[in-house]
Each structure stands twice: as structure tokens, then as C-alpha cells.
Amino acid sequence: MAGRTARKAPDTSRCPNCRAPTLTQWVGDRAALKVTADIRPLTPEQQTAARTPHRLIWCLKTGPHAAPRLRWIGGSHPTTCPHPHVTDHHCTTAPSTLF
């Protein structure tokens, strides 16, 4: 299949500082943005509180035969989406090392 780029599976791991479970993935056309998101689903009230100009809400699309994928919740996202919604990971723990 000439012309197709390989799609790398997302990395499900833990934050090295706070040990919270996270999902790291390149998203967007041509994988333009590297996102690390918390895996813990948010309620609609938590989504409203967490949403800021510099913190996005993501749809965590899952399925029985596919790896979890992050999709940005934009204007065309259905209000009846069955998938959990998560946000960017913001670690509150200070790093243990500088390098």
C-alpha cells in the first residue's frame, strides 16, 4: 500500500512523577500533536470544569478489536457519544529529576 503511513499504537503507561495511568498518542492529520491524557473518564460536570483554552477534552474511542484511540471533541462530536471522555494530563507532582 504505497503512500500510507504506519499508524503507531498508543502508549498506555503511567506518569513518571505521579504514577497516574495515562495514554500517549500522536493525533491529528499527519500526527501533528503529541497528547498525553488521563485514562480516568470524566463526568459532564468535570469536563466543563476542566475545559480551558489550553486544556482539551478527548473522546477515548475503544472497541473489542482495536487499541484505544484519542479523538478531539470538536463541534461535530455527537452529544450521545458512548465512549468515555478524558482530558490532557496535568501532573501536580514535582519532577524527581531535572534531566
Protein backbone atom coordinates (compact mmCIF):
# COMPACT_ATOMS: atom_id res chain seq x y z
CA MET A 1 0.00 0.00 0.00
CA ALA A 2 2.11 2.82 -1.25
CA GLY A 3 1.50 6.24 0.22
CA ARG A 4 0.08 5.11 3.57
CA THR A 5 1.95 5.85 6.74
CA ALA A 6 2.12 3.30 9.51
CA ARG A 7 -0.14 4.05 12.45
CA LYS A 8 1.72 3.58 15.71
CA ALA A 9 -0.28 2.12 18.58
CA PRO A 10 -0.83 4.46 21.53
CA ASP A 11 1.33 4.06 24.62
CA THR A 12 -0.62 3.17 27.76
CA SER A 13 1.60 3.70 30.76
CA ARG A 14 1.93 5.71 33.97
CA CYS A 15 3.13 9.25 34.60
CA PRO A 16 6.73 9.02 35.85
CA ASN A 17 6.04 11.61 38.58
CA CYS A 18 2.55 10.97 39.99
CA ARG A 19 2.10 7.39 38.67
CA ALA A 20 -1.37 8.19 37.28
CA PRO A 21 -2.43 5.94 34.36
CA THR A 22 -2.07 7.81 31.06
CA LEU A 23 -2.38 7.28 27.32
CA THR A 24 0.14 8.95 25.00
CA GLN A 25 -0.62 9.21 21.29
CA TRP A 26 0.15 11.33 18.24
CA VAL A 27 -3.13 12.81 16.94
CA GLY A 28 -4.31 14.94 14.04
CA ASP A 29 -3.57 14.95 10.35
CA ARG A 30 -0.01 13.84 9.81
CA ALA A 31 0.28 13.22 13.59
CA ALA A 32 0.87 16.87 14.38
CA LEU A 33 0.22 16.84 18.13
CA LYS A 34 1.54 14.53 20.83
CA VAL A 35 -1.10 14.13 23.55
CA THR A 36 -0.76 12.56 26.99
CA ALA A 37 -4.20 12.12 28.53
CA ASP A 38 -5.52 10.75 31.79
CA ILE A 39 -7.40 7.49 31.31
CA ARG A 40 -9.92 8.21 34.10
CA PRO A 41 -13.27 9.13 32.47
CA LEU A 42 -14.83 12.50 33.29
CA THR A 43 -18.46 13.29 34.07
CA PRO A 44 -20.05 16.12 32.04
CA GLU A 45 -19.60 18.45 35.04
CA GLN A 46 -15.90 17.54 35.33
CA GLN A 47 -15.46 18.14 31.59
CA THR A 48 -16.92 21.63 31.92
CA ALA A 49 -14.65 22.42 34.88
CA ALA A 50 -11.51 21.02 33.19
CA ARG A 51 -12.04 22.69 29.80
CA THR A 52 -9.81 25.74 29.32
CA PRO A 53 -8.17 27.28 26.24
CA HIS A 54 -5.03 25.25 26.96
CA ARG A 55 -6.65 22.01 28.12
CA LEU A 56 -8.69 19.93 25.71
CA ILE A 57 -11.25 17.20 26.22
CA TRP A 58 -10.72 13.99 24.24
CA CYS A 59 -13.02 11.12 23.27
CA LEU A 60 -11.35 7.83 24.23
CA LYS A 61 -12.60 5.59 21.45
CA THR A 62 -12.40 1.94 22.37
CA GLY A 63 -13.55 -1.29 20.82
CA PRO A 64 -13.22 -5.03 21.27
CA HIS A 65 -10.77 -5.42 18.37
CA ALA A 66 -8.90 -2.12 18.38
CA ALA A 67 -6.44 -0.26 20.58
CA PRO A 68 -7.81 2.79 22.44
CA ARG A 69 -7.60 5.97 20.32
CA LEU A 70 -7.93 9.62 21.31
CA ARG A 71 -10.15 11.86 19.19
CA TRP A 72 -10.60 15.56 19.85
CA ILE A 73 -14.10 16.63 20.84
CA GLY A 74 -14.86 19.36 18.35
CA GLY A 75 -18.02 21.00 17.06
CA SER A 76 -19.16 17.89 15.15
CA HIS A 77 -18.79 15.45 18.07
CA PRO A 78 -22.13 13.73 18.81
CA THR A 79 -23.74 14.62 22.13
CA THR A 80 -24.79 10.98 22.54
CA CYS A 81 -21.25 9.59 22.22
CA PRO A 82 -20.99 6.22 24.01
CA HIS A 83 -17.23 6.48 24.62
CA PRO A 84 -15.61 7.89 27.78
CA HIS A 85 -14.24 11.43 27.65
CA VAL A 86 -10.86 12.30 29.17
CA THR A 87 -8.59 15.34 29.42
CA ASP A 88 -4.91 16.18 28.99
CA HIS A 89 -2.75 15.00 31.87
CA HIS A 90 -1.53 17.82 34.11
CA CYS A 91 0.79 16.39 36.73
CA THR A 92 0.64 18.09 40.13
CA THR A 93 3.71 16.29 41.48
CA ALA A 94 7.10 17.95 41.15
CA PRO A 95 9.56 16.03 38.96
CA SER A 96 12.07 13.90 40.86
CA THR A 97 14.91 14.80 38.47
CA LEU A 98 15.71 17.70 36.18
CA PHE A 99 17.19 15.61 33.36
